[in-house]
Amino acid sequence: QVQLVELGGGLVQPGGSLRLSCAASGSFFSMGWYRQAPGKQRELVATVTTYRNTNYADSVKGRFTISTDNAKNTVYLQMNSLKPEDTAVYYCRQQRYSGIDYWGKGTLVTVSS
C-alpha cells in the first residue's frame, strides 16, 4: 500500500513563505501538488516528472517552486509571497507508470493576517 505523507502546512501571514513536503515510496512518472479551497474544485498547483520537467499553474508561477529529492523519494513545494487566495488544502499526488494515481490526505495552508 502506497502512502503519501504531506508535511509543512500551517498558518502564515500574507507575503510569507512555507515549504511543503511529500514522502512517497516507489518509482513514479510524476509527482505533483494540487489544492482545493473551500467551495472550489481541486486544481493543479505544480507537477514534476522523473525527467525533472515542471509545470505550474499561472497563479503560482514565479512564487512557487516544485522540486524532488530522489534519494529521499520526496517532493517539495516551496511557496513564497503567499497570498490569502493561496489558502487551501494542499494534496500530494503520485502518478505511476502503470497509470495508477495515489493521493495524500492533504495539509491545510492558511494565509491570513
N, C-alpha and C. Protein backbone atom coordinates (compact mmCIF):
# COMPACT_ATOMS: atom_id res chain seq x y z
N GLN A 1 0.84 -1.17 0.00
CA GLN A 1 0.00 0.00 0.00
C GLN A 1 0.89 1.24 0.00
N VAL A 2 0.70 2.08 -1.00
CA VAL A 2 1.49 3.30 -1.11
C VAL A 2 0.92 4.35 -0.18
N GLN A 3 1.78 4.99 0.57
CA GLN A 3 1.36 6.09 1.44
C GLN A 3 2.11 7.34 1.07
N LEU A 4 1.37 8.41 0.95
CA LEU A 4 1.96 9.72 0.71
C LEU A 4 1.76 10.53 1.99
N VAL A 5 2.85 11.01 2.53
CA VAL A 5 2.80 11.74 3.80
C VAL A 5 3.19 13.18 3.54
N GLU A 6 2.21 14.07 3.70
CA GLU A 6 2.43 15.51 3.47
C GLU A 6 2.72 16.20 4.79
N LEU A 7 3.68 17.08 4.75
CA LEU A 7 4.05 17.87 5.93
C LEU A 7 4.26 19.32 5.52
N GLY A 8 4.12 20.21 6.48
CA GLY A 8 4.53 21.59 6.25
C GLY A 8 3.43 22.62 6.19
N GLY A 9 2.19 22.22 6.27
CA GLY A 9 1.12 23.21 6.24
C GLY A 9 1.06 24.02 7.52
N GLY A 10 0.26 25.07 7.49
CA GLY A 10 0.10 25.89 8.67
C GLY A 10 -0.45 27.25 8.36
N LEU A 11 -0.34 28.13 9.33
CA LEU A 11 -0.82 29.50 9.20
C LEU A 11 0.36 30.42 8.93
N VAL A 12 0.20 31.26 7.93
CA VAL A 12 1.27 32.20 7.57
C VAL A 12 0.65 33.52 7.17
N GLN A 13 1.36 34.60 7.41
CA GLN A 13 0.85 35.92 7.03
C GLN A 13 1.05 36.16 5.53
N PRO A 14 0.25 37.02 4.96
CA PRO A 14 0.46 37.38 3.55
C PRO A 14 1.88 37.87 3.32
N GLY A 15 2.48 37.39 2.23
CA GLY A 15 3.86 37.72 1.92
C GLY A 15 4.86 36.74 2.49
N GLY A 16 4.39 35.85 3.34
CA GLY A 16 5.27 34.89 3.97
C GLY A 16 5.55 33.68 3.09
N SER A 17 6.28 32.72 3.68
CA SER A 17 6.69 31.53 2.95
C SER A 17 6.40 30.27 3.75
N LEU A 18 6.20 29.19 3.03
CA LEU A 18 6.06 27.86 3.62
C LEU A 18 6.68 26.86 2.67
N ARG A 19 7.12 25.74 3.22
CA ARG A 19 7.59 24.66 2.37
C ARG A 19 6.84 23.39 2.74
N LEU A 20 6.20 22.83 1.74
CA LEU A 20 5.51 21.56 1.90
C LEU A 20 6.42 20.43 1.43
N SER A 21 6.25 19.27 2.07
CA SER A 21 6.99 18.09 1.62
C SER A 21 6.04 16.91 1.56
N CYS A 22 6.38 15.99 0.67
CA CYS A 22 5.57 14.78 0.49
C CYS A 22 6.51 13.63 0.25
N ALA A 23 6.52 12.69 1.17
CA ALA A 23 7.35 11.49 1.03
C ALA A 23 6.50 10.36 0.50
N ALA A 24 7.04 9.66 -0.50
CA ALA A 24 6.29 8.57 -1.11
C ALA A 24 7.24 7.43 -1.48
N SER A 25 6.72 6.24 -1.49
CA SER A 25 7.53 5.07 -1.84
C SER A 25 7.31 4.73 -3.31
N GLY A 26 8.27 4.03 -3.89
CA GLY A 26 8.10 3.52 -5.24
C GLY A 26 8.49 4.49 -6.32
N SER A 27 8.77 3.92 -7.51
CA SER A 27 9.12 4.76 -8.65
C SER A 27 7.85 5.37 -9.23
N PHE A 28 8.01 6.49 -9.91
CA PHE A 28 6.84 7.20 -10.40
C PHE A 28 7.18 7.89 -11.70
N PHE A 29 6.14 8.26 -12.42
CA PHE A 29 6.29 9.07 -13.62
C PHE A 29 6.31 10.55 -13.26
N SER A 30 5.41 10.94 -12.39
CA SER A 30 5.40 12.33 -11.96
C SER A 30 4.81 12.44 -10.56
N MET A 31 5.16 13.52 -9.93
CA MET A 31 4.54 13.87 -8.65
C MET A 31 4.12 15.32 -8.71
N GLY A 32 3.12 15.64 -7.94
CA GLY A 32 2.63 17.00 -8.02
C GLY A 32 1.85 17.42 -6.79
N TRP A 33 1.56 18.69 -6.78
CA TRP A 33 0.76 19.30 -5.74
C TRP A 33 -0.50 19.88 -6.34
N TYR A 34 -1.60 19.64 -5.67
CA TYR A 34 -2.89 20.17 -6.05
C TYR A 34 -3.48 20.83 -4.82
N ARG A 35 -4.46 21.69 -5.02
CA ARG A 35 -5.09 22.33 -3.87
C ARG A 35 -6.58 22.49 -4.08
N GLN A 36 -7.28 22.56 -2.96
CA GLN A 36 -8.71 22.75 -3.02
C GLN A 36 -9.10 23.75 -1.95
N ALA A 37 -9.61 24.87 -2.40
CA ALA A 37 -10.10 25.91 -1.49
C ALA A 37 -11.56 25.64 -1.16
N PRO A 38 -12.05 26.16 -0.07
CA PRO A 38 -13.45 25.94 0.30
C PRO A 38 -14.40 26.35 -0.81
N GLY A 39 -15.31 25.45 -1.17
CA GLY A 39 -16.31 25.76 -2.18
C GLY A 39 -15.80 25.72 -3.61
N LYS A 40 -14.55 25.30 -3.80
CA LYS A 40 -13.98 25.27 -5.14
C LYS A 40 -13.51 23.86 -5.49
N GLN A 41 -13.29 23.66 -6.79
CA GLN A 41 -12.78 22.37 -7.24
C GLN A 41 -11.29 22.26 -6.99
N ARG A 42 -10.83 21.03 -6.89
CA ARG A 42 -9.40 20.81 -6.75
C ARG A 42 -8.69 21.25 -8.04
N GLU A 43 -7.56 21.91 -7.88
CA GLU A 43 -6.84 22.42 -9.04
C GLU A 43 -5.36 22.08 -8.94
N LEU A 44 -4.73 22.01 -10.11
CA LEU A 44 -3.30 21.75 -10.16
C LEU A 44 -2.54 22.97 -9.68
N VAL A 45 -1.49 22.71 -8.90
CA VAL A 45 -0.58 23.77 -8.47
C VAL A 45 0.74 23.63 -9.24
N ALA A 46 1.34 22.45 -9.14
CA ALA A 46 2.63 22.23 -9.81
C ALA A 46 2.88 20.74 -9.91
N THR A 47 3.57 20.34 -10.98
CA THR A 47 3.97 18.95 -11.14
C THR A 47 5.42 18.87 -11.59
N VAL A 48 6.02 17.73 -11.34
CA VAL A 48 7.39 17.48 -11.79
C VAL A 48 7.49 16.02 -12.20
N THR A 49 8.15 15.76 -13.33
CA THR A 49 8.33 14.39 -13.80
C THR A 49 9.69 13.86 -13.36
N THR A 50 9.90 12.58 -13.62
CA THR A 50 11.19 11.99 -13.29
C THR A 50 12.31 12.58 -14.13
N TYR A 51 11.94 13.21 -15.24
CA TYR A 51 12.91 13.89 -16.09
C TYR A 51 13.11 15.34 -15.64
N ARG A 52 12.47 15.66 -14.51
CA ARG A 52 12.57 16.99 -13.91
C ARG A 52 11.91 18.08 -14.74
N ASN A 53 10.97 17.69 -15.58
CA ASN A 53 10.15 18.68 -16.27
C ASN A 53 9.09 19.18 -15.30
N THR A 54 8.93 20.48 -15.23
CA THR A 54 7.97 21.05 -14.29
C THR A 54 6.85 21.78 -15.00
N ASN A 55 5.75 21.88 -14.31
CA ASN A 55 4.58 22.59 -14.83
C ASN A 55 3.92 23.30 -13.66
N TYR A 56 3.53 24.55 -13.88
CA TYR A 56 2.93 25.35 -12.81
C TYR A 56 1.62 25.97 -13.27
N ALA A 57 0.72 26.14 -12.32
CA ALA A 57 -0.46 26.94 -12.58
C ALA A 57 -0.03 28.39 -12.76
N ASP A 58 -0.72 29.10 -13.62
CA ASP A 58 -0.36 30.50 -13.86
C ASP A 58 -0.39 31.32 -12.57
N SER A 59 -1.28 30.99 -11.70
CA SER A 59 -1.47 31.77 -10.47
C SER A 59 -0.30 31.66 -9.50
N VAL A 60 0.56 30.66 -9.68
CA VAL A 60 1.68 30.48 -8.75
C VAL A 60 3.04 30.66 -9.40
N LYS A 61 3.06 30.83 -10.72
CA LYS A 61 4.34 30.99 -11.41
C LYS A 61 5.13 32.16 -10.84
N GLY A 62 6.41 31.91 -10.61
CA GLY A 62 7.27 32.95 -10.06
C GLY A 62 7.23 33.03 -8.54
N ARG A 63 6.30 32.34 -7.93
CA ARG A 63 6.19 32.36 -6.46
C ARG A 63 6.45 31.00 -5.84
N PHE A 64 6.01 29.95 -6.52
CA PHE A 64 6.15 28.58 -6.01
C PHE A 64 7.20 27.83 -6.83
N THR A 65 7.90 26.93 -6.15
CA THR A 65 8.89 26.08 -6.82
C THR A 65 8.71 24.65 -6.35
N ILE A 66 8.58 23.74 -7.32
CA ILE A 66 8.48 22.33 -7.01
C ILE A 66 9.84 21.68 -7.27
N SER A 67 10.20 20.74 -6.39
CA SER A 67 11.48 20.06 -6.55
C SER A 67 11.38 18.67 -5.94
N THR A 68 12.36 17.84 -6.28
CA THR A 68 12.37 16.48 -5.76
C THR A 68 13.73 16.13 -5.19
N ASP A 69 13.72 15.23 -4.24
CA ASP A 69 14.92 14.61 -3.71
C ASP A 69 14.72 13.12 -3.93
N ASN A 70 15.29 12.62 -5.01
CA ASN A 70 15.05 11.22 -5.38
C ASN A 70 15.60 10.25 -4.34
N ALA A 71 16.68 10.63 -3.70
CA ALA A 71 17.26 9.76 -2.68
C ALA A 71 16.30 9.56 -1.51
N LYS A 72 15.48 10.57 -1.27
CA LYS A 72 14.52 10.51 -0.16
C LYS A 72 13.10 10.24 -0.63
N ASN A 73 12.94 10.06 -1.95
CA ASN A 73 11.59 9.87 -2.52
C ASN A 73 10.63 10.94 -2.02
N THR A 74 11.10 12.16 -2.06
CA THR A 74 10.33 13.27 -1.51
C THR A 74 10.19 14.38 -2.55
N VAL A 75 9.01 14.96 -2.59
CA VAL A 75 8.77 16.13 -3.43
C VAL A 75 8.46 17.31 -2.51
N TYR A 76 8.97 18.46 -2.88
CA TYR A 76 8.80 19.67 -2.09
C TYR A 76 8.04 20.72 -2.89
N LEU A 77 7.37 21.60 -2.16
CA LEU A 77 6.77 22.77 -2.77
C LEU A 77 7.15 23.97 -1.92
N GLN A 78 8.06 24.76 -2.45
CA GLN A 78 8.45 26.00 -1.78
C GLN A 78 7.49 27.09 -2.21
N MET A 79 6.81 27.69 -1.26
CA MET A 79 5.80 28.70 -1.55
C MET A 79 6.25 30.02 -0.95
N ASN A 80 6.47 30.99 -1.80
CA ASN A 80 6.88 32.33 -1.38
C ASN A 80 5.82 33.35 -1.76
N SER A 81 5.91 34.51 -1.15
CA SER A 81 4.98 35.61 -1.45
C SER A 81 3.54 35.13 -1.40
N LEU A 82 3.22 34.44 -0.35
CA LEU A 82 1.89 33.84 -0.23
C LEU A 82 0.81 34.90 -0.13
N LYS A 83 -0.34 34.58 -0.73
CA LYS A 83 -1.49 35.47 -0.75
C LYS A 83 -2.68 34.79 -0.07
N PRO A 84 -3.61 35.56 0.40
CA PRO A 84 -4.80 34.95 1.01
C PRO A 84 -5.49 33.95 0.08
N GLU A 85 -5.46 34.21 -1.22
CA GLU A 85 -6.11 33.30 -2.16
C GLU A 85 -5.37 31.98 -2.34
N ASP A 86 -4.20 31.86 -1.73
CA ASP A 86 -3.50 30.58 -1.72
C ASP A 86 -4.01 29.65 -0.62
N THR A 87 -4.88 30.16 0.22
CA THR A 87 -5.45 29.35 1.30
C THR A 87 -6.22 28.18 0.72
N ALA A 88 -5.85 26.98 1.15
CA ALA A 88 -6.48 25.76 0.63
C ALA A 88 -5.89 24.56 1.34
N VAL A 89 -6.50 23.43 1.10
CA VAL A 89 -5.89 22.16 1.47
C VAL A 89 -5.04 21.72 0.29
N TYR A 90 -3.79 21.45 0.55
CA TYR A 90 -2.84 21.06 -0.49
C TYR A 90 -2.64 19.54 -0.44
N TYR A 91 -2.78 18.93 -1.61
CA TYR A 91 -2.68 17.48 -1.74
C TYR A 91 -1.49 17.11 -2.61
N CYS A 92 -0.84 16.04 -2.20
CA CYS A 92 0.25 15.46 -2.98
C CYS A 92 -0.30 14.33 -3.83
N ARG A 93 0.17 14.24 -5.05
CA ARG A 93 -0.28 13.19 -5.97
C ARG A 93 0.92 12.52 -6.61
N GLN A 94 0.88 11.21 -6.69
CA GLN A 94 1.92 10.45 -7.37
C GLN A 94 1.28 9.69 -8.53
N GLN A 95 1.85 9.85 -9.71
CA GLN A 95 1.39 9.13 -10.88
C GLN A 95 2.42 8.07 -11.24
N ARG A 96 1.99 6.82 -11.23
CA ARG A 96 2.89 5.72 -11.58
C ARG A 96 2.88 5.50 -13.10
N TYR A 97 3.90 4.82 -13.58
CA TYR A 97 3.96 4.47 -15.00
C TYR A 97 2.79 3.56 -15.38
N SER A 98 2.26 2.85 -14.41
CA SER A 98 1.13 1.95 -14.68
C SER A 98 -0.16 2.72 -14.94
N GLY A 99 -0.14 4.02 -14.63
CA GLY A 99 -1.34 4.83 -14.79
C GLY A 99 -2.13 5.00 -13.50
N ILE A 100 -1.69 4.32 -12.47
CA ILE A 100 -2.37 4.42 -11.18
C ILE A 100 -1.93 5.70 -10.47
N ASP A 101 -2.90 6.36 -9.87
CA ASP A 101 -2.64 7.57 -9.09
C ASP A 101 -2.76 7.27 -7.61
N TYR A 102 -1.92 7.94 -6.83
CA TYR A 102 -2.04 7.89 -5.38
C TYR A 102 -2.10 9.32 -4.86
N TRP A 103 -2.92 9.51 -3.84
CA TRP A 103 -3.10 10.83 -3.26
C TRP A 103 -2.82 10.80 -1.77
N GLY A 104 -2.29 11.91 -1.27
CA GLY A 104 -2.16 12.08 0.16
C GLY A 104 -3.47 12.58 0.75
N LYS A 105 -3.47 12.71 2.06
CA LYS A 105 -4.69 13.14 2.75
C LYS A 105 -4.83 14.65 2.80
N GLY A 106 -3.77 15.36 2.45
CA GLY A 106 -3.84 16.81 2.40
C GLY A 106 -3.29 17.49 3.64
N THR A 107 -2.81 18.70 3.42
CA THR A 107 -2.34 19.54 4.52
C THR A 107 -2.87 20.95 4.30
N LEU A 108 -3.37 21.55 5.37
CA LEU A 108 -4.02 22.85 5.26
C LEU A 108 -3.01 23.98 5.31
N VAL A 109 -3.13 24.88 4.34
CA VAL A 109 -2.35 26.11 4.31
C VAL A 109 -3.32 27.28 4.43
N THR A 110 -3.10 28.10 5.44
CA THR A 110 -3.94 29.27 5.66
C THR A 110 -3.08 30.51 5.61
N VAL A 111 -3.44 31.42 4.73
CA VAL A 111 -2.70 32.68 4.58
C VAL A 111 -3.61 33.80 5.07
N SER A 112 -3.25 34.34 6.21
CA SER A 112 -4.12 35.34 6.82
C SER A 112 -3.32 36.18 7.79
N SER A 113 -3.72 37.44 7.93
CA SER A 113 -3.09 38.32 8.91
C SER A 113 -3.86 38.30 10.22
